[in-house]
Amino acid sequence: MNDKIKHGQPDGRDFMPLSVAVLTVSDSRSEKDDTSGDLLVARLESEGHKLVEKCILPDDIYRVRARVANWIAEPGVQVVITTGGTGVTGRDGTPEAVAPLLDKELPGFGELFRSLSYAEIATSTLNSRLLGGVANATLVFCLPGSTGACRLGWDEILRYQLDRRYRPCNLAELLPRMTER
């Protein structure tokens, strides 16, 4: 597909780096083998964004909710990206942990991801319970735990939505207006 149609067109405005926190939700990963979290950090930093903090927590709804809530309350964090815990097993609870924190959901995030993912994993994309939204003027995105899913989510969606240069519109340019009442 044509980049101009698919992602919009960079319009010449200056890049505005965002401050991003990354959380890996996993009972089995450590800093040594957190390929999904490491990929997200590498991608966001290579685009010029600033990593505020990266951590790994086990699949525990209340610990995940507390960590994300702390970042949402922190004025220096503009974006929170989680990876892992979006499946359908008994321990997967990231959407349940994060959803109560959101002021507004972005249902199109999960819909678009699953649409793109279908080309790679066909109907298995139904197992991905992604979540996107806004909380306290902070953008929050919950991605699946696989490295491939994080690559797809960043490369095809977040990269463009977190860069205000891409038109016709994006979430980064709306950040200053998210506190409007």
N, C-alpha and C. Protein backbone atom coordinates (compact mmCIF):
# COMPACT_ATOMS: atom_id res chain seq x y z
N MET A 1 0.85 -1.18 0.00
CA MET A 1 0.00 0.00 0.00
C MET A 1 0.89 1.24 0.00
N ASN A 2 0.45 2.28 -0.63
CA ASN A 2 1.18 3.54 -0.72
C ASN A 2 1.32 4.17 0.67
N ASP A 3 2.57 4.53 1.08
CA ASP A 3 2.80 5.15 2.39
C ASP A 3 1.98 6.41 2.58
N LYS A 4 1.83 7.19 1.51
CA LYS A 4 1.07 8.44 1.63
C LYS A 4 -0.37 8.17 2.04
N ILE A 5 -0.94 7.13 1.51
CA ILE A 5 -2.31 6.79 1.85
C ILE A 5 -2.36 6.07 3.19
N LYS A 6 -1.46 5.16 3.41
CA LYS A 6 -1.50 4.32 4.59
C LYS A 6 -1.19 5.09 5.88
N HIS A 7 -0.21 5.94 5.86
CA HIS A 7 0.24 6.58 7.09
C HIS A 7 0.15 8.10 7.09
N GLY A 8 -0.33 8.67 6.04
CA GLY A 8 -0.32 10.11 5.97
C GLY A 8 1.01 10.59 5.43
N GLN A 9 1.15 11.87 5.35
CA GLN A 9 2.32 12.47 4.75
C GLN A 9 3.02 13.35 5.77
N PRO A 10 4.34 13.17 5.96
CA PRO A 10 5.04 14.11 6.84
C PRO A 10 4.88 15.52 6.28
N ASP A 11 4.59 16.49 7.14
CA ASP A 11 4.24 17.82 6.63
C ASP A 11 5.32 18.88 6.85
N GLY A 12 6.49 18.50 7.29
CA GLY A 12 7.56 19.48 7.44
C GLY A 12 7.65 20.12 8.83
N ARG A 13 6.69 19.84 9.70
CA ARG A 13 6.79 20.36 11.07
C ARG A 13 7.95 19.69 11.78
N ASP A 14 8.46 20.37 12.79
CA ASP A 14 9.54 19.79 13.58
C ASP A 14 9.04 18.58 14.36
N PHE A 15 9.94 17.60 14.54
CA PHE A 15 9.63 16.44 15.36
C PHE A 15 9.50 16.87 16.81
N MET A 16 8.52 16.33 17.51
CA MET A 16 8.34 16.60 18.93
C MET A 16 8.52 15.28 19.69
N PRO A 17 9.67 15.09 20.36
CA PRO A 17 9.87 13.83 21.08
C PRO A 17 8.90 13.71 22.25
N LEU A 18 8.41 12.51 22.46
CA LEU A 18 7.51 12.24 23.57
C LEU A 18 8.24 11.42 24.63
N SER A 19 7.79 11.53 25.87
CA SER A 19 8.34 10.78 27.00
C SER A 19 7.50 9.52 27.19
N VAL A 20 8.15 8.37 27.08
CA VAL A 20 7.44 7.09 27.02
C VAL A 20 7.92 6.15 28.12
N ALA A 21 6.97 5.46 28.76
CA ALA A 21 7.27 4.40 29.72
C ALA A 21 6.85 3.07 29.10
N VAL A 22 7.65 2.03 29.32
CA VAL A 22 7.38 0.71 28.74
C VAL A 22 7.31 -0.32 29.86
N LEU A 23 6.24 -1.10 29.85
CA LEU A 23 6.03 -2.15 30.84
C LEU A 23 5.87 -3.49 30.15
N THR A 24 6.70 -4.46 30.50
CA THR A 24 6.53 -5.82 30.03
C THR A 24 5.81 -6.60 31.13
N VAL A 25 4.72 -7.25 30.75
CA VAL A 25 3.93 -8.05 31.69
C VAL A 25 4.19 -9.51 31.36
N SER A 26 4.89 -10.20 32.26
CA SER A 26 5.25 -11.59 31.99
C SER A 26 5.67 -12.28 33.28
N ASP A 27 5.28 -13.55 33.40
CA ASP A 27 5.74 -14.37 34.52
C ASP A 27 7.08 -15.04 34.22
N SER A 28 7.51 -14.99 32.98
CA SER A 28 8.70 -15.75 32.60
C SER A 28 9.85 -14.92 32.06
N ARG A 29 9.63 -13.68 31.72
CA ARG A 29 10.72 -12.89 31.13
C ARG A 29 11.49 -12.12 32.19
N SER A 30 12.76 -11.89 31.86
CA SER A 30 13.65 -11.08 32.70
C SER A 30 14.32 -10.05 31.80
N GLU A 31 15.13 -9.19 32.37
CA GLU A 31 15.84 -8.19 31.57
C GLU A 31 16.73 -8.86 30.52
N LYS A 32 17.18 -10.08 30.79
CA LYS A 32 18.06 -10.78 29.85
C LYS A 32 17.34 -11.24 28.58
N ASP A 33 16.04 -11.52 28.69
CA ASP A 33 15.33 -12.07 27.53
C ASP A 33 14.02 -11.35 27.21
N ASP A 34 13.95 -10.10 27.57
CA ASP A 34 12.75 -9.31 27.29
C ASP A 34 12.82 -8.72 25.88
N THR A 35 12.69 -9.58 24.89
CA THR A 35 12.85 -9.14 23.51
C THR A 35 11.76 -8.15 23.08
N SER A 36 10.55 -8.31 23.58
CA SER A 36 9.46 -7.40 23.20
C SER A 36 9.67 -6.01 23.78
N GLY A 37 9.96 -5.95 25.07
CA GLY A 37 10.22 -4.66 25.70
C GLY A 37 11.44 -3.98 25.10
N ASP A 38 12.49 -4.78 24.85
CA ASP A 38 13.70 -4.22 24.26
C ASP A 38 13.44 -3.68 22.86
N LEU A 39 12.62 -4.39 22.08
CA LEU A 39 12.28 -3.91 20.73
C LEU A 39 11.56 -2.57 20.81
N LEU A 40 10.58 -2.45 21.71
CA LEU A 40 9.85 -1.19 21.83
C LEU A 40 10.77 -0.05 22.23
N VAL A 41 11.66 -0.30 23.18
CA VAL A 41 12.61 0.74 23.60
C VAL A 41 13.51 1.14 22.44
N ALA A 42 14.04 0.17 21.73
CA ALA A 42 14.92 0.47 20.59
C ALA A 42 14.18 1.27 19.53
N ARG A 43 12.94 0.87 19.22
CA ARG A 43 12.17 1.56 18.19
C ARG A 43 11.85 2.99 18.61
N LEU A 44 11.37 3.17 19.83
CA LEU A 44 10.97 4.53 20.22
C LEU A 44 12.18 5.45 20.32
N GLU A 45 13.29 4.93 20.82
CA GLU A 45 14.49 5.76 20.90
C GLU A 45 15.06 6.06 19.51
N SER A 46 15.00 5.11 18.59
CA SER A 46 15.52 5.36 17.24
C SER A 46 14.68 6.42 16.52
N GLU A 47 13.43 6.56 16.89
CA GLU A 47 12.56 7.60 16.31
C GLU A 47 12.80 8.95 16.97
N GLY A 48 13.51 8.98 18.11
CA GLY A 48 13.81 10.25 18.77
C GLY A 48 13.01 10.50 20.04
N HIS A 49 12.20 9.52 20.45
CA HIS A 49 11.45 9.68 21.70
C HIS A 49 12.34 9.37 22.89
N LYS A 50 11.89 9.75 24.08
CA LYS A 50 12.68 9.58 25.29
C LYS A 50 12.06 8.48 26.16
N LEU A 51 12.86 7.50 26.54
CA LEU A 51 12.41 6.47 27.47
C LEU A 51 12.49 7.04 28.89
N VAL A 52 11.38 7.05 29.58
CA VAL A 52 11.33 7.53 30.97
C VAL A 52 11.69 6.39 31.91
N GLU A 53 11.10 5.23 31.65
CA GLU A 53 11.34 4.06 32.50
C GLU A 53 10.87 2.81 31.76
N LYS A 54 11.55 1.70 32.03
CA LYS A 54 11.15 0.40 31.52
C LYS A 54 11.19 -0.57 32.69
N CYS A 55 10.14 -1.38 32.82
CA CYS A 55 10.17 -2.39 33.86
C CYS A 55 9.40 -3.63 33.44
N ILE A 56 9.62 -4.69 34.19
CA ILE A 56 8.95 -5.97 33.97
C ILE A 56 8.19 -6.31 35.23
N LEU A 57 6.92 -6.69 35.08
CA LEU A 57 6.11 -7.15 36.21
C LEU A 57 5.46 -8.48 35.85
N PRO A 58 5.18 -9.30 36.86
CA PRO A 58 4.45 -10.54 36.58
C PRO A 58 3.00 -10.25 36.21
N ASP A 59 2.34 -11.27 35.67
CA ASP A 59 0.92 -11.15 35.30
C ASP A 59 0.08 -11.06 36.57
N ASP A 60 0.01 -9.88 37.13
CA ASP A 60 -0.78 -9.62 38.33
C ASP A 60 -1.55 -8.32 38.09
N ILE A 61 -2.86 -8.44 37.98
CA ILE A 61 -3.69 -7.30 37.61
C ILE A 61 -3.42 -6.08 38.49
N TYR A 62 -3.29 -6.28 39.78
CA TYR A 62 -3.18 -5.15 40.70
C TYR A 62 -1.81 -4.49 40.65
N ARG A 63 -0.76 -5.28 40.45
CA ARG A 63 0.57 -4.68 40.30
C ARG A 63 0.68 -3.93 38.98
N VAL A 64 0.12 -4.51 37.91
CA VAL A 64 0.14 -3.83 36.61
C VAL A 64 -0.66 -2.54 36.70
N ARG A 65 -1.85 -2.60 37.28
CA ARG A 65 -2.69 -1.40 37.41
C ARG A 65 -1.97 -0.31 38.21
N ALA A 66 -1.32 -0.69 39.30
CA ALA A 66 -0.62 0.30 40.14
C ALA A 66 0.53 0.96 39.38
N ARG A 67 1.32 0.18 38.63
CA ARG A 67 2.45 0.74 37.89
C ARG A 67 1.96 1.69 36.81
N VAL A 68 0.95 1.26 36.04
CA VAL A 68 0.42 2.11 34.97
C VAL A 68 -0.23 3.36 35.57
N ALA A 69 -0.95 3.21 36.67
CA ALA A 69 -1.58 4.37 37.33
C ALA A 69 -0.53 5.37 37.79
N ASN A 70 0.58 4.90 38.31
CA ASN A 70 1.66 5.81 38.73
C ASN A 70 2.22 6.58 37.55
N TRP A 71 2.41 5.91 36.43
CA TRP A 71 2.92 6.60 35.25
C TRP A 71 1.89 7.61 34.72
N ILE A 72 0.63 7.23 34.74
CA ILE A 72 -0.42 8.15 34.28
C ILE A 72 -0.47 9.40 35.15
N ALA A 73 -0.21 9.25 36.43
CA ALA A 73 -0.23 10.39 37.36
C ALA A 73 1.03 11.25 37.26
N GLU A 74 2.07 10.73 36.65
CA GLU A 74 3.35 11.43 36.53
C GLU A 74 3.31 12.41 35.36
N PRO A 75 3.45 13.71 35.61
CA PRO A 75 3.39 14.68 34.51
C PRO A 75 4.47 14.48 33.44
N GLY A 76 5.57 13.85 33.78
CA GLY A 76 6.65 13.65 32.82
C GLY A 76 6.46 12.47 31.88
N VAL A 77 5.36 11.74 32.02
CA VAL A 77 5.09 10.60 31.14
C VAL A 77 3.93 10.97 30.22
N GLN A 78 4.17 10.93 28.93
CA GLN A 78 3.13 11.25 27.95
C GLN A 78 2.52 10.01 27.31
N VAL A 79 3.28 8.91 27.30
CA VAL A 79 2.83 7.68 26.66
C VAL A 79 3.24 6.50 27.52
N VAL A 80 2.33 5.54 27.69
CA VAL A 80 2.63 4.28 28.35
C VAL A 80 2.34 3.17 27.35
N ILE A 81 3.32 2.28 27.15
CA ILE A 81 3.12 1.13 26.28
C ILE A 81 3.39 -0.13 27.10
N THR A 82 2.42 -1.03 27.15
CA THR A 82 2.63 -2.31 27.79
C THR A 82 2.73 -3.39 26.73
N THR A 83 3.43 -4.45 27.07
CA THR A 83 3.51 -5.61 26.20
C THR A 83 3.30 -6.85 27.05
N GLY A 84 2.38 -7.71 26.60
CA GLY A 84 2.10 -8.95 27.32
C GLY A 84 0.80 -8.89 28.10
N GLY A 85 0.28 -10.08 28.38
CA GLY A 85 -0.93 -10.20 29.19
C GLY A 85 -2.22 -9.88 28.47
N THR A 86 -2.19 -9.87 27.12
CA THR A 86 -3.40 -9.52 26.37
C THR A 86 -4.10 -10.74 25.78
N GLY A 87 -3.63 -11.92 26.11
CA GLY A 87 -4.23 -13.13 25.57
C GLY A 87 -5.47 -13.54 26.33
N VAL A 88 -5.81 -14.82 26.25
CA VAL A 88 -7.05 -15.31 26.84
C VAL A 88 -6.84 -16.36 27.93
N THR A 89 -5.59 -16.58 28.34
CA THR A 89 -5.36 -17.57 29.39
C THR A 89 -5.74 -16.99 30.75
N GLY A 90 -5.75 -17.85 31.74
CA GLY A 90 -6.14 -17.43 33.08
C GLY A 90 -5.28 -16.34 33.68
N ARG A 91 -4.01 -16.29 33.31
CA ARG A 91 -3.10 -15.28 33.88
C ARG A 91 -3.11 -13.97 33.10
N ASP A 92 -3.64 -13.95 31.88
CA ASP A 92 -3.66 -12.75 31.05
C ASP A 92 -4.69 -11.76 31.58
N GLY A 93 -4.22 -10.60 32.04
CA GLY A 93 -5.15 -9.63 32.61
C GLY A 93 -4.78 -8.18 32.38
N THR A 94 -3.86 -7.92 31.45
CA THR A 94 -3.46 -6.53 31.23
C THR A 94 -4.63 -5.63 30.84
N PRO A 95 -5.51 -6.03 29.90
CA PRO A 95 -6.65 -5.15 29.59
C PRO A 95 -7.53 -4.87 30.81
N GLU A 96 -7.75 -5.89 31.64
CA GLU A 96 -8.56 -5.70 32.84
C GLU A 96 -7.87 -4.79 33.85
N ALA A 97 -6.53 -4.83 33.88
CA ALA A 97 -5.78 -3.96 34.78
C ALA A 97 -5.83 -2.51 34.34
N VAL A 98 -5.77 -2.28 33.04
CA VAL A 98 -5.63 -0.92 32.51
C VAL A 98 -6.97 -0.25 32.21
N ALA A 99 -7.94 -0.99 31.74
CA ALA A 99 -9.22 -0.40 31.31
C ALA A 99 -9.86 0.51 32.36
N PRO A 100 -9.89 0.16 33.65
CA PRO A 100 -10.52 1.05 34.62
C PRO A 100 -9.81 2.40 34.78
N LEU A 101 -8.57 2.49 34.32
CA LEU A 101 -7.80 3.73 34.44
C LEU A 101 -8.08 4.72 33.32
N LEU A 102 -8.65 4.25 32.23
CA LEU A 102 -8.82 5.08 31.03
C LEU A 102 -9.99 6.05 31.15
N ASP A 103 -9.77 7.27 30.72
CA ASP A 103 -10.84 8.26 30.60
C ASP A 103 -11.60 8.04 29.29
N LYS A 104 -10.85 7.66 28.25
CA LYS A 104 -11.43 7.40 26.93
C LYS A 104 -10.70 6.23 26.30
N GLU A 105 -11.46 5.33 25.70
CA GLU A 105 -10.87 4.23 24.96
C GLU A 105 -10.71 4.62 23.50
N LEU A 106 -9.74 4.00 22.86
CA LEU A 106 -9.51 4.14 21.42
C LEU A 106 -9.73 2.77 20.79
N PRO A 107 -10.99 2.37 20.57
CA PRO A 107 -11.25 1.02 20.06
C PRO A 107 -10.61 0.76 18.71
N GLY A 108 -10.38 1.80 17.93
CA GLY A 108 -9.75 1.62 16.62
C GLY A 108 -8.35 1.07 16.70
N PHE A 109 -7.66 1.24 17.83
CA PHE A 109 -6.31 0.72 17.97
C PHE A 109 -6.30 -0.81 17.85
N GLY A 110 -7.12 -1.47 18.63
CA GLY A 110 -7.19 -2.92 18.56
C GLY A 110 -7.74 -3.41 17.24
N GLU A 111 -8.73 -2.70 16.73
CA GLU A 111 -9.33 -3.09 15.45
C GLU A 111 -8.31 -3.01 14.33
N LEU A 112 -7.55 -1.91 14.28
CA LEU A 112 -6.55 -1.75 13.23
C LEU A 112 -5.45 -2.79 13.37
N PHE A 113 -4.99 -3.01 14.60
CA PHE A 113 -3.93 -3.99 14.82
C PHE A 113 -4.38 -5.37 14.33
N ARG A 114 -5.57 -5.79 14.72
CA ARG A 114 -6.04 -7.11 14.31
C ARG A 114 -6.20 -7.20 12.79
N SER A 115 -6.61 -6.11 12.18
CA SER A 115 -6.72 -6.09 10.72
C SER A 115 -5.36 -6.29 10.07
N LEU A 116 -4.35 -5.61 10.56
CA LEU A 116 -2.99 -5.75 10.03
C LEU A 116 -2.41 -7.13 10.37
N SER A 117 -2.68 -7.59 11.56
CA SER A 117 -2.15 -8.86 12.04
C SER A 117 -2.73 -10.05 11.27
N TYR A 118 -3.93 -9.91 10.78
CA TYR A 118 -4.58 -11.00 10.05
C TYR A 118 -3.71 -11.48 8.87
N ALA A 119 -3.02 -10.55 8.23
CA ALA A 119 -2.16 -10.91 7.10
C ALA A 119 -1.03 -11.84 7.52
N GLU A 120 -0.62 -11.77 8.79
CA GLU A 120 0.49 -12.59 9.27
C GLU A 120 0.04 -13.85 9.99
N ILE A 121 -1.03 -13.75 10.80
CA ILE A 121 -1.40 -14.90 11.64
C ILE A 121 -2.85 -15.35 11.46
N ALA A 122 -3.51 -14.83 10.43
CA ALA A 122 -4.89 -15.20 10.08
C ALA A 122 -5.82 -15.07 11.29
N THR A 123 -6.69 -16.02 11.48
CA THR A 123 -7.71 -15.89 12.52
C THR A 123 -7.16 -15.96 13.94
N SER A 124 -5.90 -16.32 14.11
CA SER A 124 -5.30 -16.32 15.45
C SER A 124 -5.25 -14.92 16.05
N THR A 125 -5.45 -13.90 15.22
CA THR A 125 -5.46 -12.53 15.72
C THR A 125 -6.62 -12.30 16.69
N LEU A 126 -7.63 -13.16 16.67
CA LEU A 126 -8.74 -13.05 17.62
C LEU A 126 -8.27 -13.19 19.06
N ASN A 127 -7.14 -13.84 19.28
CA ASN A 127 -6.61 -14.05 20.63
C ASN A 127 -5.95 -12.81 21.21
N SER A 128 -5.85 -11.74 20.44
CA SER A 128 -5.16 -10.52 20.88
C SER A 128 -6.18 -9.50 21.38
N ARG A 129 -6.18 -9.28 22.69
CA ARG A 129 -7.11 -8.31 23.29
C ARG A 129 -6.37 -6.99 23.55
N LEU A 130 -6.00 -6.32 22.49
CA LEU A 130 -5.28 -5.06 22.61
C LEU A 130 -6.19 -4.00 23.20
N LEU A 131 -5.56 -2.96 23.72
CA LEU A 131 -6.30 -1.86 24.31
C LEU A 131 -5.53 -0.58 24.06
N GLY A 132 -6.24 0.47 23.74
CA GLY A 132 -5.63 1.79 23.60
C GLY A 132 -6.58 2.81 24.20
N GLY A 133 -6.02 3.88 24.75
CA GLY A 133 -6.87 4.91 25.31
C GLY A 133 -6.07 6.08 25.85
N VAL A 134 -6.81 6.96 26.52
CA VAL A 134 -6.24 8.16 27.12
C VAL A 134 -6.64 8.19 28.58
N ALA A 135 -5.68 8.51 29.45
CA ALA A 135 -5.93 8.66 30.87
C ALA A 135 -5.11 9.82 31.39
N ASN A 136 -5.76 10.82 31.94
CA ASN A 136 -5.06 11.97 32.49
C ASN A 136 -4.11 12.59 31.45
N ALA A 137 -4.59 12.72 30.23
CA ALA A 137 -3.82 13.28 29.12
C ALA A 137 -2.57 12.47 28.79
N THR A 138 -2.57 11.18 29.13
CA THR A 138 -1.50 10.25 28.82
C THR A 138 -2.05 9.20 27.86
N LEU A 139 -1.33 8.95 26.78
CA LEU A 139 -1.72 7.91 25.84
C LEU A 139 -1.28 6.56 26.39
N VAL A 140 -2.17 5.57 26.35
CA VAL A 140 -1.88 4.24 26.90
C VAL A 140 -2.20 3.20 25.83
N PHE A 141 -1.24 2.31 25.58
CA PHE A 141 -1.42 1.25 24.60
C PHE A 141 -0.97 -0.08 25.19
N CYS A 142 -1.79 -1.10 25.06
CA CYS A 142 -1.47 -2.45 25.52
C CYS A 142 -1.32 -3.36 24.31
N LEU A 143 -0.09 -3.81 24.09
CA LEU A 143 0.24 -4.69 22.97
C LEU A 143 0.41 -6.13 23.44
N PRO A 144 0.25 -7.10 22.54
CA PRO A 144 0.56 -8.49 22.90
C PRO A 144 2.04 -8.64 23.26
N GLY A 145 2.38 -9.78 23.84
CA GLY A 145 3.73 -10.00 24.33
C GLY A 145 4.74 -10.50 23.32
N SER A 146 4.31 -10.91 22.15
CA SER A 146 5.28 -11.42 21.19
C SER A 146 6.06 -10.28 20.56
N THR A 147 7.30 -10.57 20.23
CA THR A 147 8.15 -9.56 19.60
C THR A 147 7.58 -9.15 18.25
N GLY A 148 7.04 -10.12 17.51
CA GLY A 148 6.43 -9.80 16.21
C GLY A 148 5.24 -8.87 16.35
N ALA A 149 4.43 -9.09 17.37
CA ALA A 149 3.27 -8.21 17.59
C ALA A 149 3.72 -6.80 17.98
N CYS A 150 4.76 -6.71 18.79
CA CYS A 150 5.27 -5.37 19.16
C CYS A 150 5.86 -4.67 17.94
N ARG A 151 6.55 -5.41 17.11
CA ARG A 151 7.11 -4.84 15.88
C ARG A 151 5.97 -4.31 15.00
N LEU A 152 4.94 -5.10 14.80
CA LEU A 152 3.80 -4.69 13.99
C LEU A 152 3.11 -3.46 14.60
N GLY A 153 2.84 -3.51 15.89
CA GLY A 153 2.17 -2.40 16.56
C GLY A 153 2.95 -1.10 16.47
N TRP A 154 4.27 -1.18 16.66
CA TRP A 154 5.08 0.04 16.57
C TRP A 154 5.24 0.48 15.12
N ASP A 155 5.70 -0.42 14.27
CA ASP A 155 6.06 -0.05 12.90
C ASP A 155 4.87 0.41 12.07
N GLU A 156 3.71 -0.16 12.31
CA GLU A 156 2.56 0.14 11.46
C GLU A 156 1.53 1.09 12.07
N ILE A 157 1.59 1.30 13.40
CA ILE A 157 0.58 2.16 14.02
C ILE A 157 1.23 3.23 14.90
N LEU A 158 1.87 2.82 15.98
CA LEU A 158 2.34 3.78 16.98
C LEU A 158 3.39 4.74 16.43
N ARG A 159 4.27 4.25 15.61
CA ARG A 159 5.31 5.12 15.03
C ARG A 159 4.70 6.37 14.40
N TYR A 160 3.59 6.21 13.71
CA TYR A 160 2.97 7.31 13.00
C TYR A 160 2.03 8.12 13.89
N GLN A 161 1.36 7.46 14.80
CA GLN A 161 0.44 8.18 15.68
C GLN A 161 1.15 8.96 16.77
N LEU A 162 2.40 8.62 17.05
CA LEU A 162 3.18 9.35 18.06
C LEU A 162 4.15 10.35 17.44
N ASP A 163 3.96 10.65 16.18
CA ASP A 163 4.80 11.61 15.47
C ASP A 163 3.89 12.67 14.85
N ARG A 164 3.95 13.87 15.37
CA ARG A 164 3.02 14.93 14.96
C ARG A 164 3.23 15.39 13.52
N ARG A 165 4.30 14.95 12.88
CA ARG A 165 4.55 15.36 11.50
C ARG A 165 3.66 14.63 10.50
N TYR A 166 3.07 13.51 10.91
CA TYR A 166 2.26 12.73 9.98
C TYR A 166 0.83 13.22 9.95
N ARG A 167 0.35 13.49 8.74
CA ARG A 167 -0.98 14.02 8.52
C ARG A 167 -1.84 12.97 7.85
N PRO A 168 -3.12 13.00 7.92
CA PRO A 168 -3.91 14.18 8.21
C PRO A 168 -4.07 14.47 9.70
N CYS A 169 -3.96 13.48 10.57
CA CYS A 169 -4.00 13.77 12.01
C CYS A 169 -3.31 12.62 12.74
N ASN A 170 -2.97 12.88 13.99
CA ASN A 170 -2.30 11.87 14.80
C ASN A 170 -2.52 12.19 16.28
N LEU A 171 -2.25 11.25 17.13
CA LEU A 171 -2.46 11.44 18.57
C LEU A 171 -1.45 12.39 19.19
N ALA A 172 -0.23 12.41 18.67
CA ALA A 172 0.80 13.28 19.25
C ALA A 172 0.40 14.75 19.17
N GLU A 173 -0.18 15.17 18.05
CA GLU A 173 -0.56 16.57 17.93
C GLU A 173 -1.75 16.92 18.81
N LEU A 174 -2.50 15.91 19.23
CA LEU A 174 -3.66 16.15 20.09
C LEU A 174 -3.31 16.17 21.58
N LEU A 175 -2.13 15.71 21.95
CA LEU A 175 -1.73 15.67 23.36
C LEU A 175 -1.96 16.99 24.11
N PRO A 176 -1.56 18.15 23.55
CA PRO A 176 -1.77 19.41 24.28
C PRO A 176 -3.24 19.74 24.53
N ARG A 177 -4.13 19.16 23.75
CA ARG A 177 -5.55 19.46 23.88
C ARG A 177 -6.30 18.46 24.77
N MET A 178 -5.62 17.46 25.26
CA MET A 178 -6.31 16.40 26.01
C MET A 178 -6.74 16.83 27.42
N THR A 179 -6.27 17.98 27.86
CA THR A 179 -6.72 18.46 29.16
C THR A 179 -7.86 19.46 29.05
N GLU A 180 -8.33 19.69 27.82
CA GLU A 180 -9.46 20.62 27.63
C GLU A 180 -10.69 20.08 28.34
N ARG A 181 -11.45 20.99 28.91
CA ARG A 181 -12.72 20.59 29.56
C ARG A 181 -13.82 21.47 29.05
